[in-house]
Amino acid sequence: MATAAANGILLIADISGYTSYVASTEIEHSQQILAELLELLIRHTRPRLTLSKLEGDAIFCYGGPETMRGEAVLEMVEATYAAFRTRVESIQRHTTCECEACRALPRLDLKFFIHHGQFIKQQVAGNHELLGSDVNLIHRLTKNHVSEATGWQAYALFTEAACRALALPTDGLHVSREAYEHLGEIETHSLNLRARYEEMLATRQVVVTPAEAHGQKVVEFAAPPQVVWEWFADPHKRNLWQPGNIWSAANRPTGRTAIGATNHCAHGDKVSEEVIRDWRPYDYYTVDMHVHPGEISHPIDNRETIILEPLDDGQRTRATFRCRTLVPRFYSPLIAWMYYNVIMPKGFRLLHQYFASPETSA
């Protein structure tokens, strides 16, 4: 029985190089590795997207129009690729197995295909299938000329429709056109994921350590790290759990939230500006915050790191907040204690309520 047509995100994550990999390796071991990598892909996309089905060495997912911000789609793709690359390298580095499947692991890589369009969910014998021209299109897009034109083996391809619907910044992306019978010519924008991963590895980490911190707070939330990250990273959602604050995105040198970007907040006569010093979706981020508290108090300059750790197979999150005053004073530990134990608890309670509500947790 078919349901009404819906509009939303369609995503395929495809493990490239697997066909040749399995053809030249021991099938039992190669299938075991494939299963582990597919589970990783599902785990990293599941909080925001719904798995439609496994397609050999790929997963096919979809999500409604309320799924996420366009910038968050990029973060999800990049974070999933980083987890995939890290896991492949970890398996190879730590295995003592001499089989061909383990030796050939570096040949595996990952590609994403993201489209926004219309689809119908059809239920047949207890299973559901997505149908529609846009579903056909995203599958046809897996055969394209991006690698041929760029030499990239790992990339994220966004259709023009996806870029428009999600308001994705396209500066610096590789633009190409693909033509398919019955579907016409499609403009696409592609991101080199291997280059982004290497850029992340080369970036100096900026983290407030336990030894440096003037204060620390640990809070557990009943939501996956990907969801918690969105409620911390999106200025508009921060306003929902930090009442009285009016956060807004300010400077975006690269067109998106990244190192060097700034956010602005007004709260009564207090004005705050934070500068992002490190940004590792969904693991942690560090910001420097300059607070102008008004005429009767001195400005406050803090550095804060927020670390997210998955719990219960990724269904819950432990968030660790660490803060240190950039210009230390004798009362710096008191300021940090007040911030985490007097000011922030109200916001933490609101977050617990949001995560407990299926309607608002997304």
Protein backbone atom coordinates (compact mmCIF):
# COMPACT_ATOMS: atom_id res chain seq x y z
CA MET A 1 0.00 0.00 0.00
CA ALA A 2 1.45 3.37 -1.04
CA THR A 3 1.46 6.42 1.21
CA ALA A 4 1.31 10.08 0.22
CA ALA A 5 4.37 11.54 -1.47
CA ALA A 6 6.92 13.21 0.82
CA ASN A 7 9.80 15.61 0.24
CA GLY A 8 13.15 15.28 1.94
CA ILE A 9 16.77 14.23 1.88
CA LEU A 10 17.92 11.10 0.04
CA LEU A 11 21.42 9.87 0.89
CA ILE A 12 23.58 6.98 -0.27
CA ALA A 13 26.86 6.17 1.48
CA ASP A 14 28.83 3.83 -0.76
CA ILE A 15 32.01 1.97 0.20
CA SER A 16 34.06 2.37 -2.95
CA GLY A 17 36.58 -0.20 -4.07
CA TYR A 18 34.71 -3.03 -2.38
CA THR A 19 33.90 -4.99 -5.54
CA SER A 20 37.56 -5.41 -6.48
CA TYR A 21 38.46 -5.82 -2.80
CA VAL A 22 36.16 -8.80 -2.25
CA ALA A 23 37.10 -10.36 -5.59
CA SER A 24 40.73 -10.65 -4.53
CA THR A 25 40.37 -11.50 -0.83
CA GLU A 26 39.01 -14.21 1.47
CA ILE A 27 35.22 -13.83 1.35
CA GLU A 28 34.62 -14.75 5.01
CA HIS A 29 36.99 -12.11 6.33
CA SER A 30 36.07 -9.45 3.78
CA GLN A 31 32.36 -9.87 4.57
CA GLN A 32 33.09 -9.52 8.29
CA ILE A 33 34.94 -6.25 7.66
CA LEU A 34 32.14 -5.00 5.38
CA ALA A 35 29.54 -5.72 8.06
CA GLU A 36 31.53 -3.74 10.62
CA LEU A 37 31.94 -0.77 8.28
CA LEU A 38 28.25 -0.77 7.28
CA GLU A 39 27.27 -0.79 10.96
CA LEU A 40 29.55 2.23 11.47
CA LEU A 41 27.81 4.10 8.62
CA ILE A 42 24.36 3.30 10.00
CA ARG A 43 25.36 4.34 13.51
CA HIS A 44 26.64 7.73 12.34
CA THR A 45 23.69 8.60 10.09
CA ARG A 46 20.85 6.97 12.05
CA PRO A 47 20.16 9.77 14.57
CA ARG A 48 19.11 12.10 11.75
CA LEU A 49 18.19 9.85 8.84
CA THR A 50 16.13 6.67 8.51
CA LEU A 51 17.75 3.64 6.95
CA SER A 52 15.72 2.52 3.93
CA LYS A 53 17.84 -0.53 3.15
CA LEU A 54 21.29 -2.01 2.74
CA GLU A 55 22.41 -2.16 -0.87
CA GLY A 56 25.40 -4.49 -0.94
CA ASP A 57 28.33 -2.27 0.03
CA ALA A 58 26.16 0.84 0.52
CA ILE A 59 23.40 2.19 2.71
CA PHE A 60 20.39 4.14 1.43
CA CYS A 61 18.79 6.61 3.86
CA TYR A 62 16.14 9.30 3.83
CA GLY A 63 14.86 12.08 6.05
CA GLY A 64 12.05 14.61 6.14
CA PRO A 65 12.44 18.34 5.44
CA GLU A 66 12.86 19.02 9.17
CA THR A 67 15.81 16.62 9.37
CA MET A 68 18.62 19.15 9.83
CA ARG A 69 20.31 22.35 8.76
CA GLY A 70 22.31 22.22 5.56
CA GLU A 71 25.50 22.93 7.49
CA ALA A 72 24.69 20.00 9.75
CA VAL A 73 24.47 17.73 6.69
CA LEU A 74 28.06 18.65 5.84
CA GLU A 75 29.12 18.00 9.42
CA MET A 76 27.39 14.62 9.43
CA VAL A 77 29.06 13.60 6.16
CA GLU A 78 32.51 14.77 7.24
CA ALA A 79 32.24 13.21 10.71
CA THR A 80 31.05 9.90 9.24
CA TYR A 81 33.91 9.88 6.77
CA ALA A 82 36.42 10.66 9.53
CA ALA A 83 35.05 7.77 11.63
CA PHE A 84 35.20 5.45 8.61
CA ARG A 85 38.76 6.45 7.70
CA THR A 86 39.91 6.17 11.31
CA ARG A 87 38.36 2.72 11.67
CA VAL A 88 39.90 1.39 8.44
CA GLU A 89 43.33 2.68 9.47
CA SER A 90 42.89 1.30 12.98
CA ILE A 91 41.98 -2.19 11.72
CA GLN A 92 45.00 -2.22 9.44
CA ARG A 93 47.38 -0.85 12.11
CA HIS A 94 46.37 -3.19 14.91
CA THR A 95 45.67 -6.45 13.13
CA THR A 96 48.17 -9.26 13.24
CA CYS A 97 46.27 -11.10 10.53
CA GLU A 98 48.23 -11.75 7.33
CA CYS A 99 45.23 -12.47 5.13
CA GLU A 100 44.73 -10.55 1.89
CA ALA A 101 41.52 -8.94 3.22
CA CYS A 102 43.45 -7.11 5.93
CA ARG A 103 46.39 -6.20 3.68
CA ALA A 104 44.02 -4.79 1.02
CA LEU A 105 42.04 -2.57 3.41
CA PRO A 106 43.66 0.71 2.20
CA ARG A 107 41.89 0.21 -1.13
CA LEU A 108 38.53 0.90 0.53
CA ASP A 109 37.15 4.41 0.63
CA LEU A 110 33.80 6.14 0.95
CA LYS A 111 31.54 8.27 -1.23
CA PHE A 112 28.31 10.09 -0.40
CA PHE A 113 25.50 11.06 -2.73
CA ILE A 114 22.95 13.56 -1.42
CA HIS A 115 19.81 14.70 -3.20
CA HIS A 116 16.64 16.47 -2.13
CA GLY A 117 13.40 15.49 -3.79
CA GLN A 118 10.12 13.65 -3.68
CA PHE A 119 9.52 10.01 -2.84
CA ILE A 120 6.78 7.59 -1.87
CA LYS A 121 7.12 4.89 0.79
CA GLN A 122 5.51 1.67 -0.36
CA GLN A 123 4.86 -1.18 2.06
CA VAL A 124 5.14 -4.69 0.62
CA ALA A 125 5.08 -7.88 2.73
CA GLY A 126 6.24 -6.03 5.80
CA ASN A 127 9.09 -4.23 4.03
CA HIS A 128 9.09 -0.68 2.73
CA GLU A 129 10.61 0.63 -0.49
CA LEU A 130 11.12 4.21 -1.60
CA LEU A 131 9.83 4.93 -5.08
CA GLY A 132 9.96 7.90 -7.42
CA SER A 133 12.05 9.66 -10.06
CA ASP A 134 14.24 11.28 -7.41
CA VAL A 135 14.95 7.86 -5.89
CA ASN A 136 15.99 6.67 -9.36
CA LEU A 137 18.12 9.77 -9.80
CA ILE A 138 20.21 9.38 -6.65
CA HIS A 139 20.98 5.79 -7.59
CA ARG A 140 21.97 6.81 -11.11
CA LEU A 141 24.27 9.48 -9.63
CA THR A 142 26.51 6.78 -8.17
CA LYS A 143 27.76 6.43 -11.75
CA ASN A 144 29.31 9.81 -12.52
CA HIS A 145 32.46 11.51 -13.80
CA VAL A 146 33.75 13.12 -10.59
CA SER A 147 36.66 10.72 -10.03
CA GLU A 148 37.52 10.87 -13.72
CA ALA A 149 37.66 14.69 -13.66
CA THR A 150 39.33 15.16 -10.27
CA GLY A 151 41.13 11.95 -9.35
CA TRP A 152 39.22 11.85 -6.04
CA GLN A 153 38.35 8.45 -4.61
CA ALA A 154 36.43 9.82 -1.61
CA TYR A 155 33.92 12.62 -2.06
CA ALA A 156 30.46 13.88 -1.20
CA LEU A 157 28.30 14.74 -4.19
CA PHE A 158 25.38 17.12 -3.67
CA THR A 159 22.82 17.80 -6.38
CA GLU A 160 21.87 21.38 -7.11
CA ALA A 161 18.42 20.57 -5.67
CA ALA A 162 20.04 19.50 -2.39
CA CYS A 163 22.17 22.64 -2.26
CA ARG A 164 19.12 24.86 -2.79
CA ALA A 165 16.87 23.04 -0.33
CA LEU A 166 19.51 22.94 2.42
CA ALA A 167 21.05 26.36 1.69
CA LEU A 168 24.47 24.71 1.42
CA PRO A 169 27.47 26.93 0.66
CA THR A 170 29.00 25.74 -2.62
CA ASP A 171 32.14 27.90 -2.80
CA GLY A 172 35.18 25.73 -3.40
CA LEU A 173 33.18 22.67 -4.44
CA HIS A 174 33.78 20.89 -7.74
CA VAL A 175 30.94 21.64 -10.15
CA SER A 176 29.98 19.12 -12.81
CA ARG A 177 27.01 18.10 -14.93
CA GLU A 178 25.78 14.57 -15.33
CA ALA A 179 23.30 13.47 -17.99
CA TYR A 180 21.01 10.45 -17.59
CA GLU A 181 18.41 9.01 -19.93
CA HIS A 182 14.85 9.99 -18.96
CA LEU A 183 16.20 12.20 -16.15
CA GLY A 184 18.02 14.88 -18.13
CA GLU A 185 21.07 16.90 -17.12
CA ILE A 186 21.85 17.29 -13.41
CA GLU A 187 24.22 19.86 -11.90
CA THR A 188 26.26 18.58 -8.96
CA HIS A 189 28.68 20.03 -6.39
CA SER A 190 31.31 17.73 -4.88
CA LEU A 191 33.57 17.94 -1.82
CA ASN A 192 36.93 16.15 -1.56
CA LEU A 193 36.49 14.17 1.67
CA ARG A 194 40.05 12.83 1.84
CA ALA A 195 41.42 16.39 1.69
CA ARG A 196 39.02 17.50 4.43
CA TYR A 197 40.07 14.55 6.60
CA GLU A 198 43.78 15.32 6.15
CA GLU A 199 43.12 18.99 6.86
CA MET A 200 41.44 18.03 10.12
CA LEU A 201 44.36 15.80 11.13
CA ALA A 202 46.83 18.60 10.39
CA THR A 203 44.94 21.21 12.41
CA ARG A 204 46.42 21.86 15.83
CA GLN A 205 44.11 20.68 18.60
CA VAL A 206 42.94 23.35 21.02
CA VAL A 207 41.50 21.75 24.16
CA VAL A 208 41.14 22.82 27.77
CA THR A 209 42.73 19.95 29.71
CA PRO A 210 41.65 18.91 33.23
CA ALA A 211 44.90 20.36 34.60
CA GLU A 212 44.26 23.75 32.94
CA ALA A 213 40.57 24.02 33.80
CA HIS A 214 39.32 26.38 36.48
CA GLY A 215 36.03 24.46 36.44
CA GLN A 216 34.46 21.32 35.01
CA LYS A 217 30.93 19.94 34.71
CA VAL A 218 29.80 16.53 33.46
CA VAL A 219 26.19 16.05 32.32
CA GLU A 220 24.55 13.03 30.68
CA PHE A 221 21.78 13.46 28.11
CA ALA A 222 19.26 10.94 26.75
CA ALA A 223 20.14 11.63 23.10
CA PRO A 224 22.87 10.58 20.63
CA PRO A 225 25.97 12.81 20.28
CA GLN A 226 24.83 13.93 16.81
CA VAL A 227 21.61 15.34 18.29
CA VAL A 228 23.29 16.90 21.33
CA TRP A 229 25.87 18.51 19.04
CA GLU A 230 23.14 20.20 17.01
CA TRP A 231 21.58 21.72 20.14
CA PHE A 232 24.97 23.09 21.18
CA ALA A 233 26.24 24.17 17.75
CA ASP A 234 23.14 25.81 16.23
CA PRO A 235 22.79 29.36 17.65
CA HIS A 236 19.01 29.28 17.14
CA LYS A 237 18.62 26.10 19.18
CA ARG A 238 20.88 27.48 21.88
CA ASN A 239 18.35 30.26 22.41
CA LEU A 240 15.74 27.63 23.29
CA TRP A 241 17.68 26.23 26.24
CA GLN A 242 19.53 29.39 27.29
CA PRO A 243 16.56 31.68 28.01
CA GLY A 244 17.31 35.39 27.95
CA ASN A 245 20.23 34.96 25.55
CA ILE A 246 19.91 35.96 21.93
CA TRP A 247 22.57 34.01 20.04
CA SER A 248 23.18 34.64 16.35
CA ALA A 249 25.76 33.54 13.81
CA ALA A 250 28.24 36.34 13.10
CA ASN A 251 31.39 36.04 11.01
CA ARG A 252 31.74 32.93 8.80
CA PRO A 253 35.08 33.26 6.94
CA THR A 254 34.64 29.93 5.14
CA GLY A 255 30.89 30.30 4.65
CA ARG A 256 30.09 27.83 7.43
CA THR A 257 30.75 27.14 11.11
CA ALA A 258 34.42 26.23 11.44
CA ILE A 259 37.64 27.39 13.09
CA GLY A 260 37.69 31.19 13.08
CA ALA A 261 33.91 31.61 12.90
CA THR A 262 32.21 33.78 15.52
CA ASN A 263 28.85 33.88 17.29
CA HIS A 264 27.28 36.89 18.99
CA CYS A 265 25.00 37.01 22.02
CA ALA A 266 23.05 39.85 23.67
CA HIS A 267 21.62 39.43 27.17
CA GLY A 268 20.37 42.64 28.77
CA ASP A 269 23.34 45.00 29.03
CA LYS A 270 25.73 42.05 28.61
CA VAL A 271 27.22 41.38 25.19
CA SER A 272 29.21 38.21 24.44
CA GLU A 273 31.24 37.14 21.45
CA GLU A 274 32.70 33.67 21.00
CA VAL A 275 35.39 32.66 18.54
CA ILE A 276 35.66 29.00 17.52
CA ARG A 277 39.21 27.75 18.10
CA ASP A 278 38.67 24.04 17.40
CA TRP A 279 35.72 22.28 15.77
CA ARG A 280 35.47 18.47 15.57
CA PRO A 281 31.85 17.41 14.98
CA TYR A 282 30.55 15.26 16.98
CA ASP A 283 33.53 14.82 19.28
CA TYR A 284 34.32 18.23 20.78
CA TYR A 285 34.71 21.93 20.17
CA THR A 286 36.56 24.78 21.85
CA VAL A 287 35.57 28.45 21.90
CA ASP A 288 37.10 31.63 23.31
CA MET A 289 34.39 33.83 24.81
CA HIS A 290 34.71 37.53 25.51
CA VAL A 291 31.96 38.84 27.79
CA HIS A 292 31.21 42.54 28.24
CA PRO A 293 29.08 42.40 31.41
CA GLY A 294 28.19 46.09 31.51
CA GLU A 295 29.58 49.21 33.09
CA ILE A 296 29.81 47.90 36.66
CA SER A 297 31.98 44.84 36.02
CA HIS A 298 35.22 43.92 34.28
CA PRO A 299 35.17 42.03 30.97
CA ILE A 300 35.64 38.26 31.22
CA ASP A 301 37.66 36.19 28.77
CA ASN A 302 37.15 32.42 28.96
CA ARG A 303 38.13 29.40 26.92
CA GLU A 304 35.69 26.49 27.02
CA THR A 305 35.92 22.98 25.62
CA ILE A 306 32.83 20.77 25.33
CA ILE A 307 33.50 17.05 24.78
CA LEU A 308 30.80 14.57 23.73
CA GLU A 309 31.13 10.83 24.40
CA PRO A 310 28.57 8.25 23.22
CA LEU A 311 27.02 5.98 25.84
CA ASP A 312 24.71 2.95 25.55
CA ASP A 313 25.66 2.17 21.95
CA GLY A 314 25.35 5.81 20.97
CA GLN A 315 21.84 6.37 22.32
CA ARG A 316 22.98 8.58 25.22
CA THR A 317 25.73 11.18 25.54
CA ARG A 318 28.11 12.26 28.27
CA ALA A 319 28.99 15.95 27.85
CA THR A 320 32.05 17.26 29.65
CA PHE A 321 32.38 21.04 29.98
CA ARG A 322 35.76 22.53 30.91
CA CYS A 323 36.45 26.23 31.32
CA ARG A 324 39.51 28.30 32.11
CA THR A 325 39.88 32.05 32.39
CA LEU A 326 42.32 33.37 29.77
CA VAL A 327 43.39 36.15 32.14
CA PRO A 328 43.49 34.21 35.44
CA ARG A 329 42.47 35.95 38.65
CA PHE A 330 42.33 34.64 42.18
CA TYR A 331 38.56 34.27 41.84
CA SER A 332 38.66 32.40 38.49
CA PRO A 333 37.64 29.04 40.06
CA LEU A 334 34.68 30.78 41.71
CA ILE A 335 33.53 32.25 38.37
CA ALA A 336 33.72 28.83 36.74
CA TRP A 337 31.88 27.19 39.65
CA MET A 338 29.09 29.80 39.48
CA TYR A 339 28.79 29.35 35.72
CA TYR A 340 28.43 25.57 35.84
CA ASN A 341 26.49 25.20 39.09
CA VAL A 342 24.27 28.30 39.24
CA ILE A 343 23.83 29.72 35.72
CA MET A 344 23.88 26.63 33.47
CA PRO A 345 21.72 24.10 35.42
CA LYS A 346 18.48 25.74 34.25
CA GLY A 347 19.60 25.27 30.65
CA PHE A 348 20.60 21.67 31.34
CA ARG A 349 17.13 20.97 32.76
CA LEU A 350 15.53 22.41 29.62
CA LEU A 351 17.75 20.23 27.45
CA HIS A 352 16.70 17.14 29.40
CA GLN A 353 13.06 18.09 28.70
CA TYR A 354 13.72 18.60 24.99
CA PHE A 355 15.50 15.28 24.64
CA ALA A 356 12.66 13.54 26.47
CA SER A 357 10.17 14.87 23.89
CA PRO A 358 10.22 13.11 20.47
CA GLU A 359 8.63 16.17 18.86
CA THR A 360 11.45 18.53 19.83
CA SER A 361 14.56 16.37 20.22
CA ALA A 362 15.29 16.39 16.49
